[in-house]
N, C-alpha and C. Protein backbone atom coordinates (compact mmCIF):
# COMPACT_ATOMS: atom_id res chain seq x y z
N MET A 1 5.88 -28.81 58.30
CA MET A 1 6.74 -29.11 59.49
C MET A 1 8.03 -28.31 59.51
N TRP A 2 9.00 -28.51 58.68
CA TRP A 2 10.21 -27.73 58.62
C TRP A 2 10.13 -26.81 57.37
N ALA A 3 10.59 -25.67 57.47
CA ALA A 3 10.54 -24.81 56.43
C ALA A 3 11.62 -25.31 55.29
N ASN A 4 12.79 -25.78 55.62
CA ASN A 4 13.66 -26.27 54.71
C ASN A 4 14.64 -27.21 55.35
N THR A 5 15.50 -27.82 54.57
CA THR A 5 16.34 -28.94 55.09
C THR A 5 17.46 -28.35 55.89
N ILE A 6 17.89 -27.14 55.58
CA ILE A 6 19.02 -26.58 56.42
C ILE A 6 18.47 -26.29 57.87
N ILE A 7 17.35 -25.76 58.00
CA ILE A 7 16.85 -25.45 59.38
C ILE A 7 16.66 -26.77 60.10
N PHE A 8 16.15 -27.88 59.37
CA PHE A 8 15.95 -29.09 60.01
C PHE A 8 17.28 -29.71 60.53
N TRP A 9 18.27 -29.72 59.64
CA TRP A 9 19.62 -30.21 60.02
C TRP A 9 20.34 -29.56 60.99
N GLU A 10 20.03 -28.12 60.99
CA GLU A 10 20.80 -27.22 61.96
C GLU A 10 20.20 -27.64 63.35
N ASP A 11 18.96 -27.90 63.41
CA ASP A 11 18.28 -28.21 64.72
C ASP A 11 18.77 -29.62 65.14
N VAL A 12 18.88 -30.55 64.22
CA VAL A 12 19.43 -31.90 64.61
C VAL A 12 20.77 -31.83 65.11
N VAL A 13 21.62 -31.06 64.40
CA VAL A 13 23.04 -30.80 64.91
C VAL A 13 23.09 -30.23 66.37
N ARG A 14 22.20 -29.24 66.50
CA ARG A 14 22.18 -28.46 67.94
C ARG A 14 21.80 -29.66 68.99
N LYS A 15 20.90 -30.57 68.64
CA LYS A 15 20.40 -31.65 69.50
C LYS A 15 21.41 -32.85 69.64
N SER A 16 22.16 -33.04 68.67
CA SER A 16 23.08 -34.20 68.62
C SER A 16 24.44 -33.77 68.08
N PRO A 17 25.09 -32.88 68.85
CA PRO A 17 26.32 -32.37 68.14
C PRO A 17 27.50 -33.36 68.02
N VAL A 18 27.48 -34.57 68.75
CA VAL A 18 28.47 -35.58 68.67
C VAL A 18 28.25 -36.61 67.63
N LYS A 19 27.08 -36.51 66.90
CA LYS A 19 26.76 -37.62 65.97
C LYS A 19 27.33 -37.06 64.61
N LYS A 20 27.79 -38.08 63.75
CA LYS A 20 28.34 -37.66 62.50
C LYS A 20 27.31 -37.47 61.47
N ARG A 21 26.26 -38.15 61.43
CA ARG A 21 25.28 -38.16 60.31
C ARG A 21 24.54 -36.81 60.14
N PRO A 22 24.17 -36.08 61.29
CA PRO A 22 23.70 -34.76 61.17
C PRO A 22 24.46 -33.75 60.57
N HIS A 23 25.89 -33.79 60.93
CA HIS A 23 26.83 -32.89 60.26
C HIS A 23 26.96 -33.22 58.77
N ILE A 24 27.00 -34.32 58.41
CA ILE A 24 27.04 -34.76 56.96
C ILE A 24 25.84 -34.24 56.18
N GLN A 25 24.63 -34.48 56.75
CA GLN A 25 23.47 -34.13 56.18
C GLN A 25 23.33 -32.52 56.04
N LEU A 26 23.73 -31.84 57.10
CA LEU A 26 23.74 -30.44 57.07
C LEU A 26 24.85 -29.81 56.14
N SER A 27 25.87 -30.52 55.97
CA SER A 27 27.01 -30.21 55.04
C SER A 27 26.37 -30.28 53.58
N ILE A 28 25.68 -31.33 53.41
CA ILE A 28 25.00 -31.65 52.01
C ILE A 28 24.00 -30.46 51.77
N ALA A 29 23.16 -30.16 52.74
CA ALA A 29 22.08 -29.21 52.55
C ALA A 29 22.81 -27.84 52.27
N TYR A 30 23.83 -27.54 53.08
CA TYR A 30 24.60 -26.21 52.69
C TYR A 30 25.20 -26.22 51.33
N ALA A 31 25.74 -27.28 50.90
CA ALA A 31 26.48 -27.34 49.57
C ALA A 31 25.34 -27.13 48.54
N GLN A 32 24.09 -27.80 48.63
CA GLN A 32 23.02 -27.65 47.71
C GLN A 32 22.61 -26.21 47.64
N ALA A 33 22.69 -25.46 48.81
CA ALA A 33 22.26 -24.08 48.77
C ALA A 33 23.30 -23.07 48.43
N GLY A 34 24.49 -23.73 48.00
CA GLY A 34 25.56 -22.81 47.49
C GLY A 34 26.40 -22.23 48.79
N ARG A 35 26.21 -22.71 49.93
CA ARG A 35 26.97 -22.19 51.07
C ARG A 35 28.15 -23.09 51.28
N ASP A 36 29.16 -22.91 50.36
CA ASP A 36 30.28 -23.95 50.33
C ASP A 36 31.18 -23.82 51.59
N ASN A 37 31.45 -22.72 52.17
CA ASN A 37 32.32 -22.56 53.35
C ASN A 37 31.67 -23.27 54.47
N ASP A 38 30.26 -23.05 54.66
CA ASP A 38 29.55 -23.69 55.76
C ASP A 38 29.48 -25.25 55.46
N SER A 39 29.40 -25.67 54.27
CA SER A 39 29.37 -27.01 53.90
C SER A 39 30.66 -27.65 54.28
N MET A 40 31.91 -27.13 53.98
CA MET A 40 33.07 -27.76 54.17
C MET A 40 33.46 -27.84 55.70
N GLU A 41 32.93 -26.72 56.43
CA GLU A 41 33.13 -26.80 57.92
C GLU A 41 32.29 -27.97 58.55
N GLN A 42 31.13 -28.17 57.98
CA GLN A 42 30.32 -29.33 58.55
C GLN A 42 30.96 -30.74 58.23
N ALA A 43 31.50 -30.66 57.00
CA ALA A 43 32.24 -31.99 56.52
C ALA A 43 33.51 -32.26 57.39
N ARG A 44 34.26 -31.12 57.81
CA ARG A 44 35.40 -31.29 58.62
C ARG A 44 35.02 -31.91 59.96
N ILE A 45 33.88 -31.31 60.58
CA ILE A 45 33.34 -31.71 61.85
C ILE A 45 33.02 -33.15 61.77
N ALA A 46 32.32 -33.61 60.84
CA ALA A 46 31.81 -35.00 60.61
C ALA A 46 33.13 -35.82 60.59
N ALA A 47 34.08 -35.52 59.80
CA ALA A 47 35.29 -36.32 59.59
C ALA A 47 36.01 -36.45 60.88
N LYS A 48 36.06 -35.41 61.79
CA LYS A 48 36.75 -35.49 63.01
C LYS A 48 35.97 -36.39 64.03
N LEU A 49 34.68 -36.46 63.93
CA LEU A 49 33.84 -37.22 64.84
C LEU A 49 34.09 -38.65 64.60
N SER A 50 34.31 -39.14 63.35
CA SER A 50 34.52 -40.48 63.02
C SER A 50 35.35 -40.54 61.75
N PRO A 51 36.71 -40.50 61.77
CA PRO A 51 37.41 -40.54 60.73
C PRO A 51 37.35 -41.76 59.76
N ILE A 52 37.11 -42.87 60.34
CA ILE A 52 36.93 -44.09 59.57
C ILE A 52 35.55 -44.65 60.02
N ASP A 53 34.53 -44.71 59.08
CA ASP A 53 33.27 -45.11 59.36
C ASP A 53 33.18 -46.62 59.02
N LYS A 54 32.83 -47.52 60.12
CA LYS A 54 32.89 -48.91 59.79
C LYS A 54 31.48 -49.41 59.24
N ASN A 55 30.52 -48.56 59.12
CA ASN A 55 29.14 -48.96 58.55
C ASN A 55 29.05 -48.60 57.10
N PRO A 56 29.06 -49.57 56.29
CA PRO A 56 29.21 -49.30 54.88
C PRO A 56 27.80 -48.85 54.35
N HIS A 57 26.66 -48.87 55.14
CA HIS A 57 25.34 -48.26 54.63
C HIS A 57 25.36 -46.86 54.99
N PHE A 58 26.28 -46.35 55.76
CA PHE A 58 26.08 -44.91 56.24
C PHE A 58 26.59 -43.96 55.26
N PHE A 59 27.79 -44.04 54.89
CA PHE A 59 28.26 -42.99 53.85
C PHE A 59 29.24 -43.86 53.03
N MET A 60 28.77 -44.27 51.85
CA MET A 60 29.52 -45.14 51.00
C MET A 60 30.90 -44.89 50.78
N GLN A 61 31.29 -43.61 50.48
CA GLN A 61 32.59 -43.25 50.14
C GLN A 61 33.31 -42.60 51.27
N SER A 62 34.59 -42.86 51.42
CA SER A 62 35.30 -42.42 52.68
C SER A 62 35.66 -40.93 52.64
N ASN A 63 35.72 -40.35 51.40
CA ASN A 63 36.16 -39.03 51.36
C ASN A 63 35.03 -38.04 51.26
N ILE A 64 34.68 -37.58 52.39
CA ILE A 64 33.35 -36.65 52.47
C ILE A 64 33.70 -35.48 51.73
N GLU A 65 34.87 -34.82 51.75
CA GLU A 65 35.04 -33.64 51.04
C GLU A 65 34.81 -33.70 49.49
N ASP A 66 35.45 -34.78 48.92
CA ASP A 66 35.17 -35.08 47.52
C ASP A 66 33.62 -35.05 47.11
N GLN A 67 32.94 -35.81 47.94
CA GLN A 67 31.49 -35.87 47.79
C GLN A 67 30.89 -34.45 47.82
N LEU A 68 31.24 -33.68 48.73
CA LEU A 68 30.70 -32.37 48.89
C LEU A 68 31.11 -31.35 47.81
N LYS A 69 32.34 -31.70 47.39
CA LYS A 69 32.76 -30.77 46.09
C LYS A 69 31.84 -31.04 44.98
N ASN A 70 31.57 -32.50 44.77
CA ASN A 70 30.73 -32.83 43.69
C ASN A 70 29.37 -32.17 43.71
N VAL A 71 28.77 -32.24 45.01
CA VAL A 71 27.45 -31.70 45.23
C VAL A 71 27.47 -30.05 44.94
N SER A 72 28.58 -29.52 45.42
CA SER A 72 28.70 -28.05 45.27
C SER A 72 28.90 -27.73 43.80
N ALA A 73 29.74 -28.37 43.07
CA ALA A 73 30.01 -28.14 41.75
C ALA A 73 28.79 -28.33 40.84
N ASP A 74 27.91 -29.35 41.24
CA ASP A 74 26.63 -29.64 40.51
C ASP A 74 25.70 -28.50 40.85
N GLY A 75 25.72 -28.01 41.98
CA GLY A 75 24.77 -26.91 42.41
C GLY A 75 25.22 -25.63 41.66
N HIS A 76 26.54 -25.31 41.50
CA HIS A 76 26.92 -24.09 40.69
C HIS A 76 26.51 -24.26 39.29
N ASN A 77 26.68 -25.52 38.77
CA ASN A 77 26.38 -25.78 37.30
C ASN A 77 24.90 -25.70 37.09
N LYS A 78 24.05 -26.07 37.99
CA LYS A 78 22.58 -25.98 37.87
C LYS A 78 22.16 -24.56 38.05
N ARG A 79 22.81 -23.75 39.01
CA ARG A 79 22.46 -22.32 39.11
C ARG A 79 22.91 -21.68 37.83
N GLY A 80 23.96 -22.00 37.29
CA GLY A 80 24.44 -21.39 35.98
C GLY A 80 23.40 -21.62 34.92
N LEU A 81 22.81 -22.82 34.75
CA LEU A 81 21.96 -23.05 33.76
C LEU A 81 20.63 -22.35 33.88
N ASP A 82 20.21 -22.20 35.25
CA ASP A 82 19.03 -21.44 35.52
C ASP A 82 19.23 -19.96 35.15
N LEU A 83 20.41 -19.38 35.39
CA LEU A 83 20.65 -18.06 35.03
C LEU A 83 20.85 -17.88 33.47
N LEU A 84 21.44 -18.80 32.87
CA LEU A 84 21.50 -18.83 31.51
C LEU A 84 20.10 -18.78 30.77
N ASN A 85 19.20 -19.62 31.30
CA ASN A 85 17.96 -19.76 30.72
C ASN A 85 17.12 -18.44 31.06
N GLN A 86 17.60 -17.66 32.03
CA GLN A 86 16.88 -16.36 32.32
C GLN A 86 17.54 -15.29 31.53
N GLY A 87 18.56 -15.50 30.82
CA GLY A 87 19.22 -14.55 30.01
C GLY A 87 20.28 -13.76 30.78
N ASN A 88 20.73 -14.30 32.01
CA ASN A 88 21.72 -13.54 32.78
C ASN A 88 23.06 -14.23 32.45
N ILE A 89 23.64 -13.86 31.38
CA ILE A 89 24.81 -14.65 30.85
C ILE A 89 26.10 -14.48 31.76
N SER A 90 26.33 -13.15 32.23
CA SER A 90 27.53 -13.00 33.01
C SER A 90 27.54 -13.74 34.34
N GLU A 91 26.34 -13.72 35.01
CA GLU A 91 26.30 -14.58 36.25
C GLU A 91 26.34 -16.00 36.06
N ALA A 92 25.70 -16.51 34.88
CA ALA A 92 25.89 -17.84 34.52
C ALA A 92 27.19 -18.23 34.25
N GLU A 93 27.99 -17.42 33.54
CA GLU A 93 29.42 -17.69 33.35
C GLU A 93 30.17 -17.75 34.65
N HIS A 94 29.84 -17.01 35.60
CA HIS A 94 30.50 -16.96 36.91
C HIS A 94 30.19 -18.36 37.68
N GLU A 95 28.96 -18.83 37.59
CA GLU A 95 28.55 -20.10 38.19
C GLU A 95 29.29 -21.15 37.60
N PHE A 96 29.39 -21.30 36.27
CA PHE A 96 30.08 -22.27 35.56
C PHE A 96 31.55 -22.33 35.85
N LYS A 97 32.08 -21.18 36.04
CA LYS A 97 33.52 -21.13 36.43
C LYS A 97 33.77 -21.57 37.77
N LEU A 98 32.94 -21.30 38.73
CA LEU A 98 32.95 -21.74 39.94
C LEU A 98 32.74 -23.30 39.99
N ALA A 99 31.94 -23.90 39.25
CA ALA A 99 31.76 -25.36 39.21
C ALA A 99 33.09 -25.89 38.74
N ILE A 100 33.81 -25.35 37.67
CA ILE A 100 34.94 -25.79 37.09
C ILE A 100 36.03 -25.74 38.19
N ASP A 101 36.06 -24.59 38.88
CA ASP A 101 37.16 -24.40 39.89
C ASP A 101 37.20 -25.55 40.96
N ILE A 102 35.84 -25.84 41.42
CA ILE A 102 35.66 -26.91 42.33
C ILE A 102 36.01 -28.28 41.89
N LYS A 103 35.56 -28.53 40.56
CA LYS A 103 35.63 -29.86 39.92
C LYS A 103 36.14 -29.64 38.53
N PRO A 104 37.48 -29.59 38.28
CA PRO A 104 38.03 -29.33 36.94
C PRO A 104 37.69 -30.40 35.87
N ALA A 105 37.38 -31.53 36.29
CA ALA A 105 37.07 -32.58 35.17
C ALA A 105 35.58 -32.73 35.14
N PHE A 106 34.90 -31.60 35.05
CA PHE A 106 33.42 -31.56 34.98
C PHE A 106 32.95 -31.16 33.49
N ALA A 107 32.92 -32.18 32.70
CA ALA A 107 32.51 -31.91 31.31
C ALA A 107 31.42 -31.12 30.98
N GLU A 108 30.24 -31.32 31.81
CA GLU A 108 29.06 -30.47 31.48
C GLU A 108 29.27 -29.06 31.84
N ALA A 109 30.04 -28.73 32.88
CA ALA A 109 30.27 -27.37 33.30
C ALA A 109 31.09 -26.72 32.14
N HIS A 110 32.16 -27.42 31.65
CA HIS A 110 32.87 -26.88 30.55
C HIS A 110 32.11 -26.59 29.29
N SER A 111 31.22 -27.55 28.98
CA SER A 111 30.29 -27.44 27.91
C SER A 111 29.39 -26.26 28.07
N ASN A 112 28.79 -26.17 29.23
CA ASN A 112 27.94 -25.00 29.44
C ASN A 112 28.66 -23.67 29.43
N LEU A 113 29.85 -23.72 29.86
CA LEU A 113 30.67 -22.35 29.78
C LEU A 113 30.91 -22.12 28.28
N ALA A 114 31.11 -23.09 27.56
CA ALA A 114 31.33 -22.92 26.04
C ALA A 114 30.12 -22.30 25.44
N VAL A 115 28.94 -22.79 25.87
CA VAL A 115 27.62 -22.20 25.43
C VAL A 115 27.58 -20.68 25.70
N VAL A 116 28.09 -20.32 26.85
CA VAL A 116 28.09 -18.90 27.25
C VAL A 116 28.92 -18.16 26.14
N HIS A 117 30.13 -18.67 25.94
CA HIS A 117 31.16 -18.05 25.00
C HIS A 117 30.47 -17.91 23.61
N GLN A 118 29.80 -19.09 23.30
CA GLN A 118 29.17 -19.14 22.02
C GLN A 118 28.16 -18.10 21.81
N GLN A 119 27.31 -17.92 22.81
CA GLN A 119 26.28 -16.80 22.78
C GLN A 119 26.79 -15.53 22.82
N THR A 120 27.94 -15.24 23.38
CA THR A 120 28.49 -13.92 23.29
C THR A 120 29.58 -13.75 22.17
N GLU A 121 29.53 -14.70 21.28
CA GLU A 121 30.39 -14.73 20.15
C GLU A 121 31.88 -14.64 20.36
N HIS A 122 32.26 -15.26 21.55
CA HIS A 122 33.62 -15.53 21.80
C HIS A 122 34.04 -16.93 21.38
N PHE A 123 34.13 -17.10 20.12
CA PHE A 123 34.20 -18.42 19.57
C PHE A 123 35.45 -19.14 19.93
N SER A 124 36.59 -18.43 20.10
CA SER A 124 37.77 -19.06 20.31
C SER A 124 37.65 -19.62 21.79
N ASP A 125 37.05 -18.91 22.73
CA ASP A 125 37.00 -19.32 24.01
C ASP A 125 36.00 -20.55 24.10
N ALA A 126 34.82 -20.51 23.35
CA ALA A 126 34.02 -21.67 23.17
C ALA A 126 34.65 -22.87 22.72
N LEU A 127 35.49 -22.77 21.65
CA LEU A 127 36.35 -23.86 21.21
C LEU A 127 37.18 -24.55 22.24
N ILE A 128 37.77 -23.63 22.92
CA ILE A 128 38.64 -24.15 24.12
C ILE A 128 37.93 -24.96 25.09
N GLU A 129 36.71 -24.43 25.52
CA GLU A 129 35.94 -25.08 26.53
C GLU A 129 35.26 -26.40 25.92
N TYR A 130 34.84 -26.37 24.66
CA TYR A 130 34.23 -27.62 24.14
C TYR A 130 35.35 -28.67 24.03
N ASN A 131 36.55 -28.22 23.67
CA ASN A 131 37.67 -29.22 23.62
C ASN A 131 38.06 -29.80 24.97
N LYS A 132 37.94 -29.02 26.00
CA LYS A 132 38.18 -29.47 27.37
C LYS A 132 37.18 -30.53 27.76
N ALA A 133 35.84 -30.12 27.40
CA ALA A 133 34.79 -31.00 27.73
C ALA A 133 34.89 -32.43 26.93
N LEU A 134 35.38 -32.27 25.77
CA LEU A 134 35.52 -33.66 24.92
C LEU A 134 36.72 -34.33 25.53
N GLN A 135 37.78 -33.72 26.07
CA GLN A 135 38.82 -34.52 26.54
C GLN A 135 38.29 -35.38 27.84
N ILE A 136 37.29 -34.77 28.55
CA ILE A 136 36.70 -35.45 29.65
C ILE A 136 35.62 -36.47 29.23
N ASP A 137 34.80 -36.20 28.34
CA ASP A 137 33.81 -36.94 27.81
C ASP A 137 33.69 -37.11 26.40
N PRO A 138 34.61 -37.86 25.80
CA PRO A 138 34.73 -37.94 24.28
C PRO A 138 33.55 -38.59 23.66
N LYS A 139 32.74 -39.24 24.37
CA LYS A 139 31.54 -39.92 23.76
C LYS A 139 30.27 -39.16 23.94
N ASN A 140 30.29 -37.83 24.24
CA ASN A 140 29.01 -37.18 24.50
C ASN A 140 28.66 -36.48 23.14
N PRO A 141 27.53 -36.93 22.49
CA PRO A 141 27.21 -36.37 21.27
C PRO A 141 26.89 -34.96 21.27
N TYR A 142 26.38 -34.49 22.38
CA TYR A 142 25.96 -32.97 22.32
C TYR A 142 27.25 -32.11 22.31
N ILE A 143 28.24 -32.55 22.95
CA ILE A 143 29.54 -31.72 22.84
C ILE A 143 30.00 -31.78 21.52
N HIS A 144 30.02 -32.92 20.88
CA HIS A 144 30.49 -32.97 19.44
C HIS A 144 29.60 -32.03 18.52
N TYR A 145 28.31 -32.08 18.72
CA TYR A 145 27.49 -31.32 17.92
C TYR A 145 27.64 -29.86 18.06
N ASN A 146 27.69 -29.48 19.33
CA ASN A 146 27.88 -28.05 19.61
C ASN A 146 29.24 -27.49 19.14
N LEU A 147 30.24 -28.33 19.35
CA LEU A 147 31.61 -27.99 18.78
C LEU A 147 31.53 -27.78 17.21
N GLY A 148 30.82 -28.62 16.69
CA GLY A 148 30.60 -28.58 15.19
C GLY A 148 29.98 -27.30 14.76
N ILE A 149 29.02 -26.75 15.58
CA ILE A 149 28.39 -25.59 15.22
C ILE A 149 29.38 -24.45 15.38
N VAL A 150 30.17 -24.34 16.45
CA VAL A 150 31.16 -23.26 16.52
C VAL A 150 32.15 -23.41 15.43
N LEU A 151 32.69 -24.61 15.06
CA LEU A 151 33.73 -24.75 14.08
C LEU A 151 33.14 -24.30 12.79
N GLN A 152 31.81 -24.49 12.50
CA GLN A 152 31.11 -24.01 11.34
C GLN A 152 31.13 -22.46 11.21
N LYS A 153 30.86 -21.94 12.42
CA LYS A 153 30.76 -20.44 12.42
C LYS A 153 32.13 -19.73 12.19
N VAL A 154 33.07 -20.48 12.53
CA VAL A 154 34.53 -19.87 12.31
C VAL A 154 35.16 -20.30 10.99
N GLY A 155 34.40 -21.11 10.16
CA GLY A 155 34.80 -21.41 8.89
C GLY A 155 35.56 -22.62 8.77
N ARG A 156 35.64 -23.46 9.83
CA ARG A 156 36.45 -24.71 9.76
C ARG A 156 35.38 -25.83 9.44
N ILE A 157 34.86 -25.70 8.24
CA ILE A 157 33.83 -26.65 7.78
C ILE A 157 34.07 -28.10 7.89
N SER A 158 35.26 -28.56 7.36
CA SER A 158 35.46 -29.98 7.41
C SER A 158 35.63 -30.51 8.81
N GLU A 159 36.18 -29.61 9.83
CA GLU A 159 36.21 -30.17 11.13
C GLU A 159 34.81 -30.23 11.73
N ALA A 160 34.00 -29.24 11.31
CA ALA A 160 32.62 -29.17 11.99
C ALA A 160 31.90 -30.47 11.40
N TYR A 161 31.96 -30.81 10.13
CA TYR A 161 31.23 -31.90 9.68
C TYR A 161 31.76 -33.18 10.35
N ALA A 162 33.05 -33.23 10.61
CA ALA A 162 33.51 -34.43 11.25
C ALA A 162 32.79 -34.59 12.63
N HIS A 163 32.77 -33.57 13.38
CA HIS A 163 32.05 -33.61 14.69
C HIS A 163 30.49 -33.89 14.49
N PHE A 164 29.91 -33.25 13.49
CA PHE A 164 28.54 -33.65 13.28
C PHE A 164 28.39 -35.12 13.02
N HIS A 165 29.25 -35.74 12.22
CA HIS A 165 29.19 -37.17 11.94
C HIS A 165 29.40 -38.03 13.26
N VAL A 166 30.34 -37.59 14.11
CA VAL A 166 30.45 -38.33 15.33
C VAL A 166 29.23 -38.22 16.12
N ALA A 167 28.69 -36.86 16.27
CA ALA A 167 27.43 -36.84 17.11
C ALA A 167 26.39 -37.81 16.63
N ASN A 168 26.28 -37.76 15.17
CA ASN A 168 25.21 -38.73 14.64
C ASN A 168 25.59 -40.19 14.93
N ASP A 169 26.79 -40.45 14.81
CA ASP A 169 27.14 -41.90 15.08
C ASP A 169 26.85 -42.25 16.55
N LEU A 170 27.11 -41.40 17.45
CA LEU A 170 26.85 -41.55 18.94
C LEU A 170 25.41 -41.60 19.28
N ALA A 171 24.59 -40.84 18.50
CA ALA A 171 23.17 -40.78 18.82
C ALA A 171 22.43 -40.73 17.53
N PRO A 172 22.33 -41.92 16.87
CA PRO A 172 21.77 -41.97 15.42
C PRO A 172 20.24 -41.58 15.43
N HIS A 173 19.66 -41.69 16.52
CA HIS A 173 18.17 -41.46 16.49
C HIS A 173 17.83 -40.04 16.83
N ASN A 174 18.80 -39.14 17.15
CA ASN A 174 18.50 -37.76 17.42
C ASN A 174 18.41 -37.03 16.07
N PRO A 175 17.19 -36.48 15.79
CA PRO A 175 16.95 -35.80 14.49
C PRO A 175 17.74 -34.55 14.32
N ALA A 176 18.15 -33.90 15.36
CA ALA A 176 18.96 -32.72 15.35
C ALA A 176 20.43 -32.96 14.73
N PHE A 177 20.92 -34.14 15.09
CA PHE A 177 22.26 -34.62 14.74
C PHE A 177 22.25 -34.98 13.21
N ALA A 178 20.98 -35.68 12.88
CA ALA A 178 20.91 -36.15 11.53
C ALA A 178 20.75 -35.15 10.42
N GLN A 179 20.35 -33.91 10.78
CA GLN A 179 20.26 -32.77 9.90
C GLN A 179 21.51 -32.23 9.32
N HIS A 180 22.68 -32.48 9.88
CA HIS A 180 23.86 -32.08 9.34
C HIS A 180 24.52 -33.22 8.54
N PRO A 181 25.16 -32.91 7.43
CA PRO A 181 25.81 -33.90 6.65
C PRO A 181 26.89 -34.76 7.47
């Protein structure tokens, strides 16, 4: 039927330019495709059409731009992971930084950026990013575990073991965490 959601929602917007929902859906589709400027423009149009939406089932949160920032940050983070898995470290780093610029309190993006630094043996930068991630999500066992690995590589063994223990305490059934003392 339709080749993709962007084409579909662009057509709906052309046919119903004064309705809020098509602009919101097009904004989300743009954000998921990484077209951030187009996404924000559609969000602004939707907000002007109906600044206060009285229908609670329509768009649950009132701040459309915050929602779109989350979608966009998630998109950059996912693209970064895909690029990292393909071995394209520099482009992955760029995507993670974009995600963090959009959503500074994005623990997963900080952690993924730390992985990039870890793989390129920029351990001091990896430590910084893992610590930022832990400030945001202190109960994430994977961040503790990965931070422990970097601390171990830089010779900070007692700190590394402390993080391995925390990771194991947070996820006792994960065999990877249990293999470290």
